[in-house]
Amino acid sequence: MAAARPNPAPWLLPEGSQTMALVNLVLASVPSANTRESYAKGIRDLVAFSEGRPITRILLLEWRAAMKAAGRSSSTVNLRISAARALVREARNSGAIDLDQAFDLLRVGGLPSRGSRSGNWLTETQVDELLAVPDRKTLRGKRDYCVLAMLVGCALRREELATLNVEDIERRVGRWALPDLESKGGRVRTVGIQPWVKQAIDEWTAAAKIRAGRLIRRTTLDPVGLSSQTIWQIVRRAGAKIGVAHFGPHDLRRTCAKHCRAHGADIEQIQVMLGHADIRTTARYLGTEQDLVHAPNDRLVH
């Protein structure tokens, strides 16, 4: 008769080099800077919640319930659970825990999502109000106006804007554009720049005497660019000024897509502009609903 397999030692997450090595492996596997930041925050939260107790399936379930009870959204909870699962997989791969422990921990999933979160869109009037928030007589106001104009006019992600250089703005087929802009997943796209957006860029760069390097930076001669988090704060503050709560840069990206569609742009062209791999993602951005007053098949004739 085979001997019973001994129970593995409990898995602890002490503050130390071994845990940090696992965390670094997890973060290195995530391409998005925002997701890396969220994963790091999630792992820190798990370590704080465990208070030195072994990481078990029961503890992960308790952590998930505590986040829900604290009012965390399903998306936030699920992102943090994903971070914990990534940590478990790295621990399994490195031999820090055995396969049975990993299997048990990976059984803990996220919270169910009912429906899809569509985010916020601004009306054209609200866009005008938002763009009027920065005081364009000041250097900071010119910069913040340029930030808002680039986000709502070019549907950029905040990370893309944070890393954009002046040299990236080029003339293509008789107009200003952002050619070969790298999207998430390594996809490359070209985004046109509207004249009013280019004017916002020119006003800011002329006032700040910027000729090369990061486009969006501090209002001093320091060439260091603003972080994506600071760009988020600029948008959040402007949204609060016009009475829009829970508003961020991605909502301006949605707003741009929504208005493009309302003015007759093809959804396929909007997909290309946004850099989406799947047109269903674009449809969710647009909040597409069936129009039975002007149904699409009304145009069919026979």
Foldseek 3Di string as FASTA:
>chain_A
DDDDDDDDDFAWQDPDDVNVVLLVVLLVVDPDPVLSVLLVVLVVLLNVQCVGPGDALVSLVVSLVVCVVVVHDQVSSQSSLVSVLSSLVSCCVVVVDDPVRNVRNNVDGTDDDDDDDLAAADDPVVLVQLLVPQDLVDLVSLLLSLLSCCLLQQLDQLQLLQQDKPVQWDDDPRFIKRAQRADPPRFTAITGGDPVSVVSQVSNCVQQVPDIARSAPDSHVPRRTDDSVVSQVSSQVSCVVSPHHPDGSNNSSLNNLQVCVVVPDDLVVNCRSNVPPDSVVSCSSNVDDADPVCGPCVPDDD
